[in-house]
C-alpha cells in the first residue's frame, strides 16, 4: 500500500511540474505543491522497526544510529 501512495504522489508532483510550472496551470501547480508537502511529511514520520513481546528477564537495547550526510 505504501508503494502505491508513494507512486501516486510522485505522479502528482511530476504532473504538477509539467502542467503547472511549465504549462501555466495554477490548479496543477497547487496540486503538485501539496503532493510534495505530503511526501516530505511522510518521509519524516517515524517508522516502527520492530514489534515484539519481551519475556520476563529479557533485555532490549535501543540505539540511535546517525547517518552520513
N, C-alpha and C. Protein backbone atom coordinates (compact mmCIF):
# COMPACT_ATOMS: atom_id res chain seq x y z
N UNK A 1 0.82 -1.19 0.00
CA UNK A 1 0.00 0.00 0.00
C UNK A 1 0.87 1.26 0.00
N UNK A 2 1.96 1.23 0.79
CA UNK A 2 2.85 2.39 0.88
C UNK A 2 3.45 2.72 -0.48
N UNK A 3 3.81 1.69 -1.24
CA UNK A 3 4.41 1.91 -2.56
C UNK A 3 3.41 2.58 -3.50
N UNK A 4 2.14 2.19 -3.40
CA UNK A 4 1.11 2.79 -4.25
C UNK A 4 0.95 4.28 -3.94
N UNK A 5 0.96 4.61 -2.66
CA UNK A 5 0.81 6.02 -2.27
C UNK A 5 2.02 6.83 -2.73
N UNK A 6 3.23 6.26 -2.55
CA UNK A 6 4.44 6.96 -3.00
C UNK A 6 4.42 7.18 -4.51
N UNK A 7 4.02 6.16 -5.26
CA UNK A 7 3.95 6.28 -6.71
C UNK A 7 2.94 7.35 -7.13
N UNK A 8 1.80 7.36 -6.47
CA UNK A 8 0.76 8.35 -6.78
C UNK A 8 1.26 9.77 -6.47
N UNK A 9 1.96 9.92 -5.35
CA UNK A 9 2.50 11.25 -5.01
C UNK A 9 3.52 11.70 -6.04
N UNK A 10 4.41 10.79 -6.48
CA UNK A 10 5.40 11.14 -7.50
C UNK A 10 4.72 11.56 -8.80
N UNK A 11 3.66 10.85 -9.17
CA UNK A 11 2.93 11.21 -10.40
C UNK A 11 2.29 12.58 -10.29
N UNK A 12 1.70 12.87 -9.12
CA UNK A 12 1.09 14.18 -8.92
C UNK A 12 2.14 15.30 -8.92
N UNK A 13 3.29 15.03 -8.32
CA UNK A 13 4.37 16.02 -8.33
C UNK A 13 4.84 16.27 -9.75
N UNK A 14 5.05 15.20 -10.51
CA UNK A 14 5.50 15.34 -11.89
C UNK A 14 4.51 16.08 -12.76
N UNK A 15 3.24 15.72 -12.60
CA UNK A 15 2.23 16.40 -13.41
C UNK A 15 2.08 17.86 -12.98
N UNK A 16 2.26 18.11 -11.68
CA UNK A 16 2.20 19.49 -11.19
C UNK A 16 3.30 20.34 -11.80
N UNK A 17 4.50 19.75 -11.95
CA UNK A 17 5.61 20.48 -12.57
C UNK A 17 5.32 20.71 -14.06
N UNK A 18 4.90 19.64 -14.75
CA UNK A 18 4.66 19.77 -16.19
C UNK A 18 3.51 20.71 -16.51
N UNK A 19 2.36 20.44 -15.89
CA UNK A 19 1.16 21.23 -16.23
C UNK A 19 1.14 22.59 -15.53
N UNK A 20 1.68 22.64 -14.32
CA UNK A 20 1.61 23.87 -13.54
C UNK A 20 2.76 24.81 -13.78
N UNK A 21 3.97 24.32 -13.61
CA UNK A 21 5.14 25.19 -13.74
C UNK A 21 5.41 25.53 -15.20
N UNK A 22 5.42 24.50 -16.05
CA UNK A 22 5.72 24.74 -17.47
C UNK A 22 4.48 25.05 -18.30
N UNK A 23 3.31 24.54 -17.86
CA UNK A 23 2.08 24.74 -18.64
C UNK A 23 1.26 25.94 -18.24
N UNK A 24 1.54 26.49 -17.07
CA UNK A 24 0.83 27.68 -16.65
C UNK A 24 -0.47 27.45 -15.90
N UNK A 25 -0.76 26.21 -15.49
CA UNK A 25 -1.99 25.91 -14.77
C UNK A 25 -1.77 26.08 -13.27
N UNK A 26 -2.45 27.03 -12.69
CA UNK A 26 -2.32 27.28 -11.26
C UNK A 26 -2.84 26.09 -10.45
N UNK A 27 -3.92 25.48 -10.91
CA UNK A 27 -4.51 24.34 -10.21
C UNK A 27 -3.51 23.20 -10.08
N UNK A 28 -2.85 22.83 -11.19
CA UNK A 28 -1.88 21.73 -11.14
C UNK A 28 -0.64 22.10 -10.37
N UNK A 29 -0.27 23.36 -10.37
CA UNK A 29 0.87 23.81 -9.58
C UNK A 29 0.57 23.62 -8.08
N UNK A 30 -0.64 23.97 -7.66
CA UNK A 30 -1.04 23.80 -6.26
C UNK A 30 -1.15 22.32 -5.89
N UNK A 31 -1.69 21.50 -6.79
CA UNK A 31 -1.79 20.06 -6.53
C UNK A 31 -0.40 19.44 -6.39
N UNK A 32 0.50 19.80 -7.29
CA UNK A 32 1.87 19.30 -7.21
C UNK A 32 2.58 19.75 -5.95
N UNK A 33 2.38 21.00 -5.57
CA UNK A 33 2.98 21.50 -4.34
C UNK A 33 2.44 20.80 -3.11
N UNK A 34 1.13 20.56 -3.09
CA UNK A 34 0.53 19.84 -1.96
C UNK A 34 1.06 18.41 -1.89
N UNK A 35 1.21 17.76 -3.03
CA UNK A 35 1.74 16.39 -3.06
C UNK A 35 3.18 16.37 -2.56
N UNK A 36 3.94 17.39 -2.89
CA UNK A 36 5.33 17.48 -2.42
C UNK A 36 5.39 17.64 -0.90
N UNK A 37 4.49 18.45 -0.35
CA UNK A 37 4.44 18.64 1.11
C UNK A 37 4.04 17.34 1.80
N UNK A 38 3.05 16.63 1.25
CA UNK A 38 2.61 15.35 1.83
C UNK A 38 3.75 14.35 1.79
N UNK A 39 4.47 14.28 0.68
CA UNK A 39 5.59 13.33 0.56
C UNK A 39 6.68 13.65 1.57
N UNK A 40 6.98 14.94 1.75
CA UNK A 40 8.01 15.33 2.72
C UNK A 40 7.57 14.98 4.14
N UNK A 41 6.30 15.17 4.45
CA UNK A 41 5.79 14.84 5.79
C UNK A 41 5.83 13.34 6.03
N UNK A 42 5.54 12.55 5.01
CA UNK A 42 5.56 11.09 5.16
C UNK A 42 6.99 10.59 5.37
N UNK A 43 7.96 11.23 4.77
CA UNK A 43 9.35 10.79 4.93
C UNK A 43 9.87 11.07 6.33
N UNK A 44 9.36 12.10 6.97
CA UNK A 44 9.81 12.46 8.31
C UNK A 44 9.10 11.66 9.39
N UNK A 45 8.01 11.02 9.06
CA UNK A 45 7.25 10.27 10.06
C UNK A 45 8.07 9.10 10.58
N UNK A 46 8.11 8.91 11.90
CA UNK A 46 8.88 7.79 12.43
C UNK A 46 8.24 6.46 12.01
N UNK A 47 9.10 5.50 11.74
CA UNK A 47 8.62 4.19 11.32
C UNK A 47 8.89 3.17 12.41
N UNK A 48 7.98 2.24 12.58
CA UNK A 48 8.17 1.16 13.52
C UNK A 48 9.13 0.16 12.91
N UNK A 49 10.21 -0.13 13.60
CA UNK A 49 11.22 -1.03 13.08
C UNK A 49 11.00 -2.44 13.60
N UNK A 50 10.60 -2.57 14.85
CA UNK A 50 10.43 -3.89 15.45
C UNK A 50 9.27 -3.85 16.42
N UNK A 51 8.44 -4.88 16.37
CA UNK A 51 7.36 -5.07 17.33
C UNK A 51 7.49 -6.48 17.86
N UNK A 52 7.58 -6.62 19.14
CA UNK A 52 7.71 -7.95 19.70
C UNK A 52 7.36 -7.95 21.17
N UNK A 53 7.28 -9.14 21.73
CA UNK A 53 6.95 -9.31 23.13
C UNK A 53 8.21 -9.69 23.88
N UNK A 54 8.46 -9.03 25.00
CA UNK A 54 9.61 -9.35 25.82
C UNK A 54 9.17 -10.32 26.93
N UNK A 55 9.95 -11.34 27.09
CA UNK A 55 9.70 -12.29 28.17
C UNK A 55 10.29 -11.72 29.46
N UNK A 56 9.81 -12.15 30.60
CA UNK A 56 10.38 -11.68 31.86
C UNK A 56 11.88 -11.98 31.91
N UNK A 57 12.66 -10.98 32.26
CA UNK A 57 14.10 -11.13 32.33
C UNK A 57 14.82 -10.81 31.03
N UNK A 58 14.09 -10.61 29.95
CA UNK A 58 14.71 -10.30 28.66
C UNK A 58 15.13 -8.83 28.63
N UNK A 59 16.13 -8.53 27.84
CA UNK A 59 16.64 -7.16 27.74
C UNK A 59 16.39 -6.60 26.34
N UNK A 60 16.29 -5.31 26.26
CA UNK A 60 16.10 -4.63 24.99
C UNK A 60 17.06 -3.46 24.93
N UNK A 61 17.84 -3.40 23.87
CA UNK A 61 18.80 -2.31 23.68
C UNK A 61 18.27 -1.39 22.58
N UNK A 62 18.18 -0.11 22.88
CA UNK A 62 17.71 0.87 21.91
C UNK A 62 18.86 1.80 21.58
N UNK A 63 19.21 1.89 20.28
CA UNK A 63 20.30 2.76 19.85
C UNK A 63 19.80 3.67 18.73
N UNK A 64 20.43 4.81 18.63
CA UNK A 64 20.14 5.75 17.56
C UNK A 64 21.40 5.85 16.70
N UNK A 65 21.29 5.41 15.47
CA UNK A 65 22.43 5.44 14.57
C UNK A 65 22.35 6.68 13.70
N UNK A 66 23.41 7.43 13.64
CA UNK A 66 23.41 8.63 12.79
C UNK A 66 23.80 8.23 11.37
N UNK A 67 23.31 8.97 10.42
CA UNK A 67 23.64 8.71 9.01
C UNK A 67 24.63 9.76 8.53
N UNK A 68 25.42 9.37 7.57
CA UNK A 68 26.38 10.31 6.98
C UNK A 68 25.67 11.24 6.03
N UNK A 69 26.08 12.48 6.01
CA UNK A 69 25.46 13.46 5.10
C UNK A 69 26.18 13.49 3.79
